[in-house]
């Protein structure tokens, strides 16, 4: 268990990605932005990722829908790896921010 934001004294458990999502949900949640973990189904340069939207629902995002950070480009995650994705409902773009373990 880690404690993030010691001033607030709120314990936030889980991986760094889970901690980030919990903090945003508690302090700065924006209904137009989502943070998710997705599975890479095709690596760069034509990256595709799969988001899970419910119990059984999945959909694949193509390279045209993705804005990929330099950290992800440098890591070049293979198919099967997981990445942290921020979805923006206003632009219908998905920002692939980092790899996830």
C-alpha atoms as a PDB file:
ATOM      1  CA  UNK A   1       0.000   0.000   0.000  1.00  0.00           C
ATOM      2  CA  UNK A   2       1.248   3.468  -0.830  1.00  0.00           C
ATOM      3  CA  UNK A   3       0.193   6.838   0.422  1.00  0.00           C
ATOM      4  CA  UNK A   4      -0.105   9.552  -2.165  1.00  0.00           C
ATOM      5  CA  UNK A   5      -0.622  13.136  -1.154  1.00  0.00           C
ATOM      6  CA  UNK A   6       0.573  12.840   2.425  1.00  0.00           C
ATOM      7  CA  UNK A   7      -1.037  16.201   3.205  1.00  0.00           C
ATOM      8  CA  UNK A   8      -4.441  14.643   2.613  1.00  0.00           C
ATOM      9  CA  UNK A   9      -3.507  11.454   4.431  1.00  0.00           C
ATOM     10  CA  UNK A  10      -5.515   9.335   1.977  1.00  0.00           C
ATOM     11  CA  UNK A  11      -4.157   5.835   1.422  1.00  0.00           C
ATOM     12  CA  UNK A  12      -4.336   4.806  -2.225  1.00  0.00           C
ATOM     13  CA  UNK A  13      -3.615   1.151  -2.929  1.00  0.00           C
ATOM     14  CA  UNK A  14      -2.512  -0.660  -6.063  1.00  0.00           C
ATOM     15  CA  UNK A  15      -0.190  -0.057  -8.968  1.00  0.00           C
ATOM     16  CA  UNK A  16       0.943   3.462  -9.891  1.00  0.00           C
ATOM     17  CA  UNK A  17      -1.690   3.509 -12.669  1.00  0.00           C
ATOM     18  CA  UNK A  18      -4.437   2.487 -10.219  1.00  0.00           C
ATOM     19  CA  UNK A  19      -3.249   5.125  -7.760  1.00  0.00           C
ATOM     20  CA  UNK A  20      -3.397   7.805 -10.456  1.00  0.00           C
ATOM     21  CA  UNK A  21      -6.939   6.829 -11.443  1.00  0.00           C
ATOM     22  CA  UNK A  22      -8.063   6.811  -7.791  1.00  0.00           C
ATOM     23  CA  UNK A  23      -6.623  10.269  -7.157  1.00  0.00           C
ATOM     24  CA  UNK A  24      -8.218  11.759 -10.250  1.00  0.00           C
ATOM     25  CA  UNK A  25     -11.539  10.166  -9.335  1.00  0.00           C
ATOM     26  CA  UNK A  26     -11.383  11.639  -5.833  1.00  0.00           C
ATOM     27  CA  UNK A  27      -9.982  15.091  -6.535  1.00  0.00           C
ATOM     28  CA  UNK A  28     -10.223  16.084 -10.169  1.00  0.00           C
ATOM     29  CA  UNK A  29     -12.605  13.838 -12.010  1.00  0.00           C
ATOM     30  CA  UNK A  30     -13.674  15.188 -15.357  1.00  0.00           C
ATOM     31  CA  UNK A  31     -16.548  13.329 -16.979  1.00  0.00           C
ATOM     32  CA  UNK A  32     -15.198  14.082 -20.478  1.00  0.00           C
ATOM     33  CA  UNK A  33     -11.857  12.371 -19.781  1.00  0.00           C
ATOM     34  CA  UNK A  34     -11.266   8.720 -18.917  1.00  0.00           C
ATOM     35  CA  UNK A  35      -8.116   6.910 -17.847  1.00  0.00           C
ATOM     36  CA  UNK A  36      -7.874   3.237 -18.719  1.00  0.00           C
ATOM     37  CA  UNK A  37      -5.391   0.437 -19.133  1.00  0.00           C
ATOM     38  CA  UNK A  38      -5.459  -1.129 -22.600  1.00  0.00           C
ATOM     39  CA  UNK A  39      -3.746  -4.115 -24.213  1.00  0.00           C
ATOM     40  CA  UNK A  40      -1.522  -3.590 -27.252  1.00  0.00           C
ATOM     41  CA  UNK A  41      -2.768  -5.796 -30.109  1.00  0.00           C
ATOM     42  CA  UNK A  42      -0.292  -4.495 -32.739  1.00  0.00           C
ATOM     43  CA  UNK A  43       2.998  -2.711 -31.964  1.00  0.00           C
ATOM     44  CA  UNK A  44       4.370   0.489 -33.478  1.00  0.00           C
ATOM     45  CA  UNK A  45       4.482   1.913 -36.101  1.00  0.00           C
ATOM     46  CA  UNK A  46       0.844   0.919 -36.759  1.00  0.00           C
ATOM     47  CA  UNK A  47      -0.089   0.465 -33.112  1.00  0.00           C
ATOM     48  CA  UNK A  48      -3.529  -0.858 -32.215  1.00  0.00           C
ATOM     49  CA  UNK A  49      -4.828  -1.175 -28.683  1.00  0.00           C
ATOM     50  CA  UNK A  50      -7.840  -2.925 -27.182  1.00  0.00           C
ATOM     51  CA  UNK A  51      -9.972  -1.250 -24.540  1.00  0.00           C
ATOM     52  CA  UNK A  52     -12.394  -3.181 -22.374  1.00  0.00           C
ATOM     53  CA  UNK A  53     -15.602  -1.228 -21.934  1.00  0.00           C
ATOM     54  CA  UNK A  54     -17.552  -3.664 -19.782  1.00  0.00           C
ATOM     55  CA  UNK A  55     -17.747  -7.270 -18.737  1.00  0.00           C
ATOM     56  CA  UNK A  56     -17.511  -8.639 -22.261  1.00  0.00           C
ATOM     57  CA  UNK A  57     -17.303  -5.538 -24.452  1.00  0.00           C
ATOM     58  CA  UNK A  58     -14.006  -4.765 -26.154  1.00  0.00           C
ATOM     59  CA  UNK A  59     -13.055  -2.490 -28.991  1.00  0.00           C
ATOM     60  CA  UNK A  60      -9.852  -1.868 -30.892  1.00  0.00           C
ATOM     61  CA  UNK A  61      -8.448   1.597 -31.519  1.00  0.00           C
ATOM     62  CA  UNK A  62      -6.372   2.105 -34.665  1.00  0.00           C
ATOM     63  CA  UNK A  63      -3.275   4.274 -35.021  1.00  0.00           C
ATOM     64  CA  UNK A  64      -5.348   7.125 -36.504  1.00  0.00           C
ATOM     65  CA  UNK A  65      -7.259   7.445 -33.208  1.00  0.00           C
ATOM     66  CA  UNK A  66      -4.127   7.448 -31.037  1.00  0.00           C
ATOM     67  CA  UNK A  67      -1.736  10.160 -29.951  1.00  0.00           C
ATOM     68  CA  UNK A  68       1.326   8.352 -28.631  1.00  0.00           C
ATOM     69  CA  UNK A  69       3.739   9.852 -26.088  1.00  0.00           C
ATOM     70  CA  UNK A  70       7.487   9.823 -26.518  1.00  0.00           C
ATOM     71  CA  UNK A  71       7.794   7.483 -23.521  1.00  0.00           C
ATOM     72  CA  UNK A  72       5.640   4.879 -25.271  1.00  0.00           C
ATOM     73  CA  UNK A  73       7.514   5.316 -28.541  1.00  0.00           C
ATOM     74  CA  UNK A  74      10.810   4.800 -26.690  1.00  0.00           C
ATOM     75  CA  UNK A  75       9.474   1.718 -24.868  1.00  0.00           C
ATOM     76  CA  UNK A  76       7.951   0.299 -28.085  1.00  0.00           C
ATOM     77  CA  UNK A  77       5.640  -2.106 -26.229  1.00  0.00           C
ATOM     78  CA  UNK A  78       5.046  -5.426 -27.996  1.00  0.00           C
ATOM     79  CA  UNK A  79       1.673  -7.026 -28.677  1.00  0.00           C
ATOM     80  CA  UNK A  80       0.254  -8.261 -25.384  1.00  0.00           C
ATOM     81  CA  UNK A  81       1.778  -5.438 -23.319  1.00  0.00           C
ATOM     82  CA  UNK A  82      -0.410  -2.982 -21.435  1.00  0.00           C
ATOM     83  CA  UNK A  83      -0.462   0.795 -21.771  1.00  0.00           C
ATOM     84  CA  UNK A  84      -2.122   3.652 -19.876  1.00  0.00           C
ATOM     85  CA  UNK A  85      -4.594   5.528 -22.072  1.00  0.00           C
ATOM     86  CA  UNK A  86      -6.399   8.824 -21.529  1.00  0.00           C
ATOM     87  CA  UNK A  87      -9.563   9.159 -23.586  1.00  0.00           C
ATOM     88  CA  UNK A  88     -10.951  12.581 -24.520  1.00  0.00           C
ATOM     89  CA  UNK A  89     -14.660  12.550 -25.375  1.00  0.00           C
ATOM     90  CA  UNK A  90     -14.477  16.055 -26.849  1.00  0.00           C
ATOM     91  CA  UNK A  91     -11.962  15.108 -29.549  1.00  0.00           C
ATOM     92  CA  UNK A  92     -12.516  11.332 -29.829  1.00  0.00           C
ATOM     93  CA  UNK A  93      -8.739  10.932 -29.478  1.00  0.00           C
ATOM     94  CA  UNK A  94      -6.938   8.604 -27.124  1.00  0.00           C
ATOM     95  CA  UNK A  95      -3.594   9.570 -25.623  1.00  0.00           C
ATOM     96  CA  UNK A  96      -1.281   6.605 -25.005  1.00  0.00           C
ATOM     97  CA  UNK A  97       0.754   7.951 -22.091  1.00  0.00           C
ATOM     98  CA  UNK A  98       2.925   5.161 -20.689  1.00  0.00           C
ATOM     99  CA  UNK A  99       3.394   1.443 -20.337  1.00  0.00           C
ATOM    100  CA  UNK A 100       1.733  -0.404 -17.469  1.00  0.00           C
ATOM    101  CA  UNK A 101       2.829  -3.500 -15.563  1.00  0.00           C
END
